Amino acid sequence: MVFPCGEFSYAWSPNIDDLTDALHSFRSDGDNMIEVTRRINERLDNGKYQFNNRLQEGIASENEIMINCTEFLLVNAYHYDFREIWPQVVALLTGNVR
């Protein structure tokens, strides 16, 4: 899990679960880059990306949420019981580290 520290912006798509996977299929060595760029732009336009909007819906979709920030806290959610570490996460994000 990723927690941005300080100000951040985000984007997500209800139609694209992972942008890298969605765009990977557009490129092969013989492709014309102008055509590849056109197809990528078309795919992004059809993705109906939400920018700093409807975050709860984005989380519920389980699609990739891209975050733009200068610092973040990364927590291995599979390794820890999140309920146990939540107080430490809040302390780190709010600067109230003991």
Protein backbone atom coordinates (compact mmCIF):
# COMPACT_ATOMS: atom_id res chain seq x y z
CA MET A 1 0.00 0.00 0.00
CA VAL A 2 1.20 3.49 -0.83
CA PHE A 3 0.48 6.54 1.30
CA PRO A 4 1.49 9.91 -0.14
CA CYS A 5 3.09 12.30 2.36
CA GLY A 6 2.00 15.92 2.07
CA GLU A 7 0.26 17.26 -1.00
CA PHE A 8 -0.40 14.90 -3.89
CA SER A 9 -2.49 14.44 -7.00
CA TYR A 10 -3.83 11.25 -8.50
CA ALA A 11 -5.40 9.74 -11.59
CA TRP A 12 -7.24 6.51 -12.24
CA SER A 13 -9.41 4.98 -14.95
CA PRO A 14 -12.62 3.01 -14.53
CA ASN A 15 -11.79 1.31 -17.87
CA ILE A 16 -8.08 0.50 -17.55
CA ASP A 17 -6.92 -1.66 -14.65
CA ASP A 18 -3.18 -1.21 -15.30
CA LEU A 19 -1.79 1.44 -17.67
CA THR A 20 1.53 -0.34 -18.33
CA ASP A 21 -0.23 -3.57 -19.29
CA ALA A 22 -2.72 -1.66 -21.43
CA LEU A 23 0.01 0.17 -23.37
CA HIS A 24 2.53 -2.67 -23.61
CA SER A 25 0.68 -4.33 -26.47
CA PHE A 26 0.96 -1.21 -28.65
CA ARG A 27 4.69 -1.42 -29.31
CA SER A 28 6.70 -3.81 -31.41
CA ASP A 29 9.99 -3.11 -33.16
CA GLY A 30 8.40 -2.76 -36.61
CA ASP A 31 5.63 -0.34 -35.61
CA ASN A 32 5.43 3.18 -36.95
CA MET A 33 5.86 5.39 -33.85
CA ILE A 34 3.36 7.97 -35.12
CA GLU A 35 0.71 5.25 -35.36
CA VAL A 36 1.70 3.82 -31.96
CA THR A 37 1.41 7.29 -30.40
CA ARG A 38 -2.02 7.80 -32.02
CA ARG A 39 -3.26 4.45 -30.67
CA ILE A 40 -1.91 5.17 -27.18
CA ASN A 41 -3.59 8.59 -27.12
CA GLU A 42 -6.86 7.03 -28.29
CA ARG A 43 -6.65 4.41 -25.54
CA LEU A 44 -5.98 7.07 -22.90
CA ASP A 45 -8.90 9.18 -24.16
CA ASN A 46 -11.19 6.14 -23.98
CA GLY A 47 -9.91 5.37 -20.48
CA LYS A 48 -12.07 8.15 -19.03
CA TYR A 49 -9.35 9.01 -16.52
CA GLN A 50 -10.41 10.74 -13.34
CA PHE A 51 -7.94 13.39 -12.12
CA ASN A 52 -8.21 14.19 -8.41
CA ASN A 53 -11.80 13.02 -8.54
CA ARG A 54 -13.86 10.10 -7.15
CA LEU A 55 -11.01 8.49 -5.17
CA GLN A 56 -13.30 6.16 -3.19
CA GLU A 57 -14.71 4.83 -6.46
CA GLY A 58 -11.18 4.33 -7.78
CA ILE A 59 -10.19 2.37 -4.69
CA ALA A 60 -13.34 0.24 -4.92
CA SER A 61 -12.59 -0.53 -8.59
CA GLU A 62 -9.24 -2.10 -7.59
CA ASN A 63 -7.77 -0.51 -10.72
CA GLU A 64 -4.37 1.15 -10.66
CA ILE A 65 -4.32 4.59 -9.05
CA MET A 66 -1.34 6.69 -10.15
CA ILE A 67 -0.05 9.10 -7.53
CA ASN A 68 2.08 12.19 -8.08
CA CYS A 69 3.90 13.25 -4.90
CA THR A 70 7.38 14.09 -3.67
CA GLU A 71 7.39 11.61 -0.77
CA PHE A 72 5.44 8.50 0.12
CA LEU A 73 5.25 5.68 2.63
CA LEU A 74 5.19 2.19 1.18
CA VAL A 75 3.77 -0.62 3.35
CA ASN A 76 3.86 -4.30 2.44
CA ALA A 77 0.19 -5.07 3.04
CA TYR A 78 0.75 -8.80 2.58
CA HIS A 79 3.38 -8.93 5.31
CA TYR A 80 1.59 -6.94 8.03
CA ASP A 81 -1.86 -7.04 9.56
CA PHE A 82 -2.93 -3.57 8.55
CA ARG A 83 -5.14 -3.09 11.61
CA GLU A 84 -2.09 -3.55 13.84
CA ILE A 85 0.17 -1.09 12.04
CA TRP A 86 -2.45 1.61 11.25
CA PRO A 87 -1.54 3.73 14.34
CA GLN A 88 2.13 3.79 13.25
CA VAL A 89 1.16 4.70 9.67
CA VAL A 90 -0.97 7.61 10.91
CA ALA A 91 1.86 8.76 13.17
CA LEU A 92 4.33 8.74 10.27
CA LEU A 93 1.99 10.58 7.93
CA THR A 94 1.08 13.24 10.47
CA GLY A 95 4.59 13.72 11.83
CA ASN A 96 3.67 12.46 15.31
CA VAL A 97 6.40 9.80 15.47
CA ARG A 98 7.33 8.75 18.99
